[in-house]
Amino acid sequence: MLKELNHLLWSSTRAIISQKNLEVTLIKIPAHADDSLNNHVDDLAKAAHTDSHLSLQSPALLAPCTLQFNSFPVDMNIRKFIGEIFDAKNLLTLTLLPRFNLNSSSSDID
């Protein structure tokens, strides 16, 4: 589960479907298809962004664990996220080497 994109969203969706005993069929709607139901869902999604009273179930109840980074839940493949953290750290280490530092003297460069 933690390998799929938006795993917290999908976990919440699965929990709601299960709790309410819903039968759900996913249908791909082309972008800008002017489908009335899709337009309604788009309006609901836009309204949710401005709703200050939006309440969500705790992701901790839906997922076996929730990784957080800077107090935000990581909602992507955990391995890829950790790989990106290490890549960023390695890039920072590389940029701090004297040969890449404009303030270093020429004697610092081998």
N, C-alpha and C. Protein backbone atom coordinates (compact mmCIF):
# COMPACT_ATOMS: atom_id res chain seq x y z
N MET A 1 0.82 -1.19 0.00
CA MET A 1 0.00 0.00 0.00
C MET A 1 0.87 1.26 0.00
N LEU A 2 1.94 1.28 0.78
CA LEU A 2 2.75 2.49 0.88
C LEU A 2 3.57 2.75 -0.38
N LYS A 3 3.54 1.83 -1.34
CA LYS A 3 4.28 2.02 -2.58
C LYS A 3 3.48 2.79 -3.62
N GLU A 4 2.17 2.88 -3.47
CA GLU A 4 1.36 3.56 -4.48
C GLU A 4 1.30 5.06 -4.20
N LEU A 5 1.13 5.82 -5.27
CA LEU A 5 1.01 7.27 -5.12
C LEU A 5 -0.29 7.60 -4.39
N ASN A 6 -0.27 8.66 -3.61
CA ASN A 6 -1.45 9.11 -2.86
C ASN A 6 -2.02 8.00 -1.98
N HIS A 7 -1.13 7.25 -1.32
CA HIS A 7 -1.61 6.10 -0.56
C HIS A 7 -2.54 6.48 0.58
N LEU A 8 -2.37 7.67 1.16
CA LEU A 8 -3.28 8.09 2.23
C LEU A 8 -4.68 8.35 1.69
N LEU A 9 -4.75 8.96 0.52
CA LEU A 9 -6.05 9.21 -0.12
C LEU A 9 -6.73 7.89 -0.48
N TRP A 10 -5.98 6.97 -1.10
CA TRP A 10 -6.56 5.68 -1.48
C TRP A 10 -6.95 4.86 -0.25
N SER A 11 -6.16 4.96 0.81
CA SER A 11 -6.49 4.24 2.04
C SER A 11 -7.79 4.78 2.64
N SER A 12 -7.95 6.09 2.65
CA SER A 12 -9.19 6.70 3.14
C SER A 12 -10.37 6.29 2.27
N THR A 13 -10.17 6.28 0.96
CA THR A 13 -11.23 5.89 0.03
C THR A 13 -11.65 4.45 0.27
N ARG A 14 -10.67 3.56 0.41
CA ARG A 14 -10.98 2.14 0.68
C ARG A 14 -11.75 1.98 1.98
N ALA A 15 -11.36 2.73 3.01
CA ALA A 15 -12.03 2.63 4.31
C ALA A 15 -13.49 3.08 4.20
N ILE A 16 -13.75 4.17 3.50
CA ILE A 16 -15.12 4.67 3.35
C ILE A 16 -15.96 3.67 2.56
N ILE A 17 -15.39 3.14 1.48
CA ILE A 17 -16.12 2.15 0.66
C ILE A 17 -16.46 0.93 1.51
N SER A 18 -15.52 0.50 2.32
CA SER A 18 -15.74 -0.68 3.16
C SER A 18 -16.77 -0.40 4.26
N GLN A 19 -16.63 0.74 4.94
CA GLN A 19 -17.54 1.08 6.04
C GLN A 19 -18.98 1.23 5.57
N LYS A 20 -19.16 1.77 4.39
CA LYS A 20 -20.51 2.03 3.89
C LYS A 20 -21.01 0.94 2.96
N ASN A 21 -20.22 -0.14 2.82
CA ASN A 21 -20.59 -1.26 1.95
C ASN A 21 -20.98 -0.79 0.55
N LEU A 22 -20.14 0.05 -0.02
CA LEU A 22 -20.41 0.60 -1.35
C LEU A 22 -19.83 -0.29 -2.43
N GLU A 23 -20.47 -0.29 -3.58
CA GLU A 23 -19.91 -0.93 -4.76
C GLU A 23 -19.49 0.19 -5.69
N VAL A 24 -18.21 0.26 -5.98
CA VAL A 24 -17.65 1.39 -6.72
C VAL A 24 -17.03 0.90 -8.02
N THR A 25 -17.32 1.61 -9.10
CA THR A 25 -16.69 1.35 -10.39
C THR A 25 -15.99 2.63 -10.82
N LEU A 26 -14.70 2.53 -11.09
CA LEU A 26 -13.94 3.70 -11.52
C LEU A 26 -14.02 3.81 -13.04
N ILE A 27 -14.31 5.02 -13.50
CA ILE A 27 -14.42 5.28 -14.93
C ILE A 27 -13.52 6.46 -15.27
N LYS A 28 -12.66 6.28 -16.25
CA LYS A 28 -11.78 7.36 -16.70
C LYS A 28 -12.56 8.32 -17.59
N ILE A 29 -12.59 9.58 -17.18
CA ILE A 29 -13.27 10.63 -17.95
C ILE A 29 -12.18 11.49 -18.59
N PRO A 30 -12.20 11.67 -19.91
CA PRO A 30 -11.20 12.53 -20.55
C PRO A 30 -11.27 13.96 -20.00
N ALA A 31 -10.13 14.59 -19.90
CA ALA A 31 -10.08 15.97 -19.42
C ALA A 31 -10.92 16.87 -20.32
N HIS A 32 -11.58 17.82 -19.72
CA HIS A 32 -12.39 18.81 -20.44
C HIS A 32 -13.51 18.16 -21.26
N ALA A 33 -14.07 17.07 -20.76
CA ALA A 33 -15.11 16.35 -21.51
C ALA A 33 -16.49 16.96 -21.30
N ASP A 34 -16.60 17.93 -20.40
CA ASP A 34 -17.88 18.57 -20.09
C ASP A 34 -18.93 17.54 -19.65
N ASP A 35 -18.49 16.60 -18.81
CA ASP A 35 -19.38 15.60 -18.23
C ASP A 35 -20.01 16.21 -16.98
N SER A 36 -21.33 16.17 -16.86
CA SER A 36 -22.01 16.86 -15.76
C SER A 36 -21.59 16.32 -14.39
N LEU A 37 -21.45 15.01 -14.26
CA LEU A 37 -21.04 14.44 -12.97
C LEU A 37 -19.59 14.80 -12.65
N ASN A 38 -18.74 14.76 -13.66
CA ASN A 38 -17.35 15.13 -13.45
C ASN A 38 -17.23 16.61 -13.07
N ASN A 39 -18.03 17.46 -13.71
CA ASN A 39 -18.03 18.88 -13.37
C ASN A 39 -18.48 19.09 -11.93
N HIS A 40 -19.47 18.31 -11.49
CA HIS A 40 -19.96 18.41 -10.11
C HIS A 40 -18.85 18.02 -9.13
N VAL A 41 -18.14 16.94 -9.42
CA VAL A 41 -17.04 16.50 -8.56
C VAL A 41 -15.93 17.54 -8.54
N ASP A 42 -15.63 18.14 -9.69
CA ASP A 42 -14.63 19.21 -9.74
C ASP A 42 -15.02 20.38 -8.85
N ASP A 43 -16.30 20.75 -8.88
CA ASP A 43 -16.79 21.84 -8.02
C ASP A 43 -16.65 21.48 -6.55
N LEU A 44 -16.96 20.23 -6.20
CA LEU A 44 -16.81 19.79 -4.81
C LEU A 44 -15.34 19.83 -4.37
N ALA A 45 -14.45 19.41 -5.26
CA ALA A 45 -13.02 19.42 -4.94
C ALA A 45 -12.52 20.85 -4.74
N LYS A 46 -12.96 21.77 -5.59
CA LYS A 46 -12.56 23.17 -5.46
C LYS A 46 -13.09 23.76 -4.16
N ALA A 47 -14.32 23.41 -3.80
CA ALA A 47 -14.91 23.91 -2.56
C ALA A 47 -14.17 23.37 -1.34
N ALA A 48 -13.67 22.15 -1.43
CA ALA A 48 -12.96 21.54 -0.31
C ALA A 48 -11.66 22.28 0.00
N HIS A 49 -11.05 22.90 -1.01
CA HIS A 49 -9.81 23.64 -0.79
C HIS A 49 -10.02 24.87 0.07
N THR A 50 -11.21 25.43 0.05
CA THR A 50 -11.48 26.65 0.82
C THR A 50 -12.27 26.38 2.08
N ASP A 51 -12.67 25.13 2.31
CA ASP A 51 -13.48 24.78 3.48
C ASP A 51 -12.58 24.64 4.70
N SER A 52 -12.72 25.56 5.65
CA SER A 52 -11.89 25.51 6.86
C SER A 52 -12.40 24.48 7.86
N HIS A 53 -13.60 23.93 7.65
CA HIS A 53 -14.17 22.96 8.59
C HIS A 53 -14.09 21.53 8.05
N LEU A 54 -13.26 21.33 7.07
CA LEU A 54 -13.11 20.00 6.49
C LEU A 54 -12.48 19.07 7.52
N SER A 55 -13.13 17.97 7.79
CA SER A 55 -12.59 17.02 8.76
C SER A 55 -12.27 15.72 8.06
N LEU A 56 -11.11 15.22 8.35
CA LEU A 56 -10.67 13.95 7.78
C LEU A 56 -10.40 12.98 8.91
N GLN A 57 -10.57 11.71 8.62
CA GLN A 57 -10.18 10.72 9.60
C GLN A 57 -8.67 10.73 9.71
N SER A 58 -8.19 10.39 10.89
CA SER A 58 -6.76 10.34 11.09
C SER A 58 -6.15 9.28 10.18
N PRO A 59 -5.13 9.64 9.41
CA PRO A 59 -4.48 8.65 8.55
C PRO A 59 -3.90 7.49 9.36
N ALA A 60 -3.59 7.75 10.64
CA ALA A 60 -3.02 6.70 11.48
C ALA A 60 -4.00 5.54 11.65
N LEU A 61 -5.30 5.82 11.55
CA LEU A 61 -6.29 4.77 11.68
C LEU A 61 -6.41 3.96 10.40
N LEU A 62 -5.99 4.52 9.29
CA LEU A 62 -6.18 3.89 7.99
C LEU A 62 -4.92 3.23 7.45
N ALA A 63 -3.77 3.67 7.86
CA ALA A 63 -2.51 3.13 7.36
C ALA A 63 -1.73 2.52 8.51
N PRO A 64 -0.90 1.51 8.23
CA PRO A 64 -0.13 0.91 9.30
C PRO A 64 0.86 1.89 9.94
N CYS A 65 1.31 2.86 9.17
CA CYS A 65 2.17 3.92 9.69
C CYS A 65 2.09 5.11 8.74
N THR A 66 2.43 6.26 9.26
CA THR A 66 2.43 7.46 8.42
C THR A 66 3.76 8.16 8.61
N LEU A 67 4.54 8.21 7.55
CA LEU A 67 5.82 8.90 7.59
C LEU A 67 5.55 10.39 7.41
N GLN A 68 6.19 11.20 8.26
CA GLN A 68 6.04 12.65 8.14
C GLN A 68 7.41 13.27 7.92
N PHE A 69 7.41 14.34 7.14
CA PHE A 69 8.62 15.11 6.89
C PHE A 69 8.26 16.57 7.08
N ASN A 70 8.91 17.25 8.01
CA ASN A 70 8.58 18.64 8.35
C ASN A 70 7.10 18.77 8.68
N SER A 71 6.57 17.84 9.43
CA SER A 71 5.18 17.81 9.92
C SER A 71 4.14 17.57 8.83
N PHE A 72 4.56 17.22 7.63
CA PHE A 72 3.63 16.89 6.55
C PHE A 72 3.69 15.40 6.28
N PRO A 73 2.52 14.77 6.07
CA PRO A 73 2.56 13.34 5.74
C PRO A 73 3.17 13.13 4.35
N VAL A 74 3.99 12.11 4.25
CA VAL A 74 4.60 11.76 2.96
C VAL A 74 3.63 10.85 2.24
N ASP A 75 3.05 11.35 1.17
CA ASP A 75 2.01 10.61 0.45
C ASP A 75 2.53 10.17 -0.92
N MET A 76 3.66 9.49 -0.89
CA MET A 76 4.25 8.96 -2.12
C MET A 76 5.00 7.69 -1.75
N ASN A 77 5.55 7.02 -2.73
CA ASN A 77 6.32 5.82 -2.50
C ASN A 77 7.45 6.14 -1.51
N ILE A 78 7.46 5.45 -0.37
CA ILE A 78 8.40 5.76 0.70
C ILE A 78 9.85 5.55 0.24
N ARG A 79 10.11 4.48 -0.48
CA ARG A 79 11.48 4.23 -0.96
C ARG A 79 11.96 5.36 -1.87
N LYS A 80 11.10 5.80 -2.77
CA LYS A 80 11.48 6.89 -3.68
C LYS A 80 11.72 8.18 -2.88
N PHE A 81 10.87 8.42 -1.88
CA PHE A 81 11.03 9.62 -1.06
C PHE A 81 12.37 9.61 -0.34
N ILE A 82 12.70 8.48 0.29
CA ILE A 82 13.97 8.38 1.01
C ILE A 82 15.14 8.50 0.03
N GLY A 83 15.00 7.91 -1.15
CA GLY A 83 16.03 8.05 -2.18
C GLY A 83 16.24 9.50 -2.57
N GLU A 84 15.14 10.26 -2.70
CA GLU A 84 15.24 11.67 -3.05
C GLU A 84 15.91 12.47 -1.94
N ILE A 85 15.65 12.11 -0.68
CA ILE A 85 16.30 12.78 0.45
C ILE A 85 17.81 12.54 0.38
N PHE A 86 18.22 11.28 0.16
CA PHE A 86 19.64 10.98 0.06
C PHE A 86 20.28 11.65 -1.15
N ASP A 87 19.58 11.71 -2.27
CA ASP A 87 20.11 12.40 -3.45
C ASP A 87 20.33 13.88 -3.16
N ALA A 88 19.38 14.50 -2.47
CA ALA A 88 19.50 15.92 -2.12
C ALA A 88 20.67 16.13 -1.16
N LYS A 89 20.81 15.22 -0.20
CA LYS A 89 21.92 15.34 0.76
C LYS A 89 23.26 15.19 0.04
N ASN A 90 23.36 14.22 -0.87
CA ASN A 90 24.60 14.02 -1.62
C ASN A 90 24.92 15.22 -2.50
N LEU A 91 23.90 15.82 -3.12
CA LEU A 91 24.12 17.01 -3.94
C LEU A 91 24.62 18.16 -3.08
N LEU A 92 24.04 18.33 -1.90
CA LEU A 92 24.49 19.39 -1.00
C LEU A 92 25.94 19.16 -0.59
N THR A 93 26.28 17.92 -0.26
CA THR A 93 27.66 17.59 0.11
C THR A 93 28.61 17.91 -1.05
N LEU A 94 28.21 17.57 -2.26
CA LEU A 94 29.03 17.83 -3.44
C LEU A 94 29.24 19.33 -3.65
N THR A 95 28.19 20.11 -3.49
CA THR A 95 28.31 21.56 -3.73
C THR A 95 29.15 22.25 -2.66
N LEU A 96 29.30 21.62 -1.50
CA LEU A 96 30.10 22.22 -0.44
C LEU A 96 31.59 21.87 -0.54
N LEU A 97 31.95 21.01 -1.49
CA LEU A 97 33.36 20.69 -1.69
C LEU A 97 34.12 21.93 -2.13
N PRO A 98 35.38 22.08 -1.69
CA PRO A 98 36.14 23.30 -2.02
C PRO A 98 36.22 23.58 -3.52
N ARG A 99 36.31 22.56 -4.36
CA ARG A 99 36.47 22.81 -5.80
C ARG A 99 35.22 23.44 -6.42
N PHE A 100 34.07 23.32 -5.72
CA PHE A 100 32.84 23.91 -6.25
C PHE A 100 32.45 25.18 -5.50
N ASN A 101 33.28 25.58 -4.56
CA ASN A 101 32.99 26.75 -3.74
C ASN A 101 33.74 27.95 -4.31
N LEU A 102 33.03 28.98 -4.71
CA LEU A 102 33.66 30.16 -5.32
C LEU A 102 34.53 30.92 -4.33
N ASN A 103 34.31 30.72 -3.03
CA ASN A 103 35.08 31.44 -2.02
C ASN A 103 36.38 30.73 -1.65
N SER A 104 36.61 29.54 -2.18
CA SER A 104 37.83 28.81 -1.83
C SER A 104 39.00 29.33 -2.66
N SER A 105 40.19 29.17 -2.11
CA SER A 105 41.38 29.62 -2.85
C SER A 105 41.79 28.54 -3.85
N SER A 106 42.63 28.91 -4.80
CA SER A 106 43.06 27.95 -5.81
C SER A 106 43.93 26.86 -5.21
N SER A 107 44.54 27.10 -4.04
CA SER A 107 45.37 26.08 -3.41
C SER A 107 44.52 24.95 -2.81
N ASP A 108 43.21 25.19 -2.64
CA ASP A 108 42.32 24.15 -2.11
C ASP A 108 41.99 23.11 -3.16
N ILE A 109 42.23 23.44 -4.42
CA ILE A 109 41.85 22.55 -5.52
C ILE A 109 43.03 21.67 -5.87
N ASP A 110 42.84 20.38 -5.93
CA ASP A 110 43.93 19.44 -6.25
C ASP A 110 44.32 19.52 -7.70
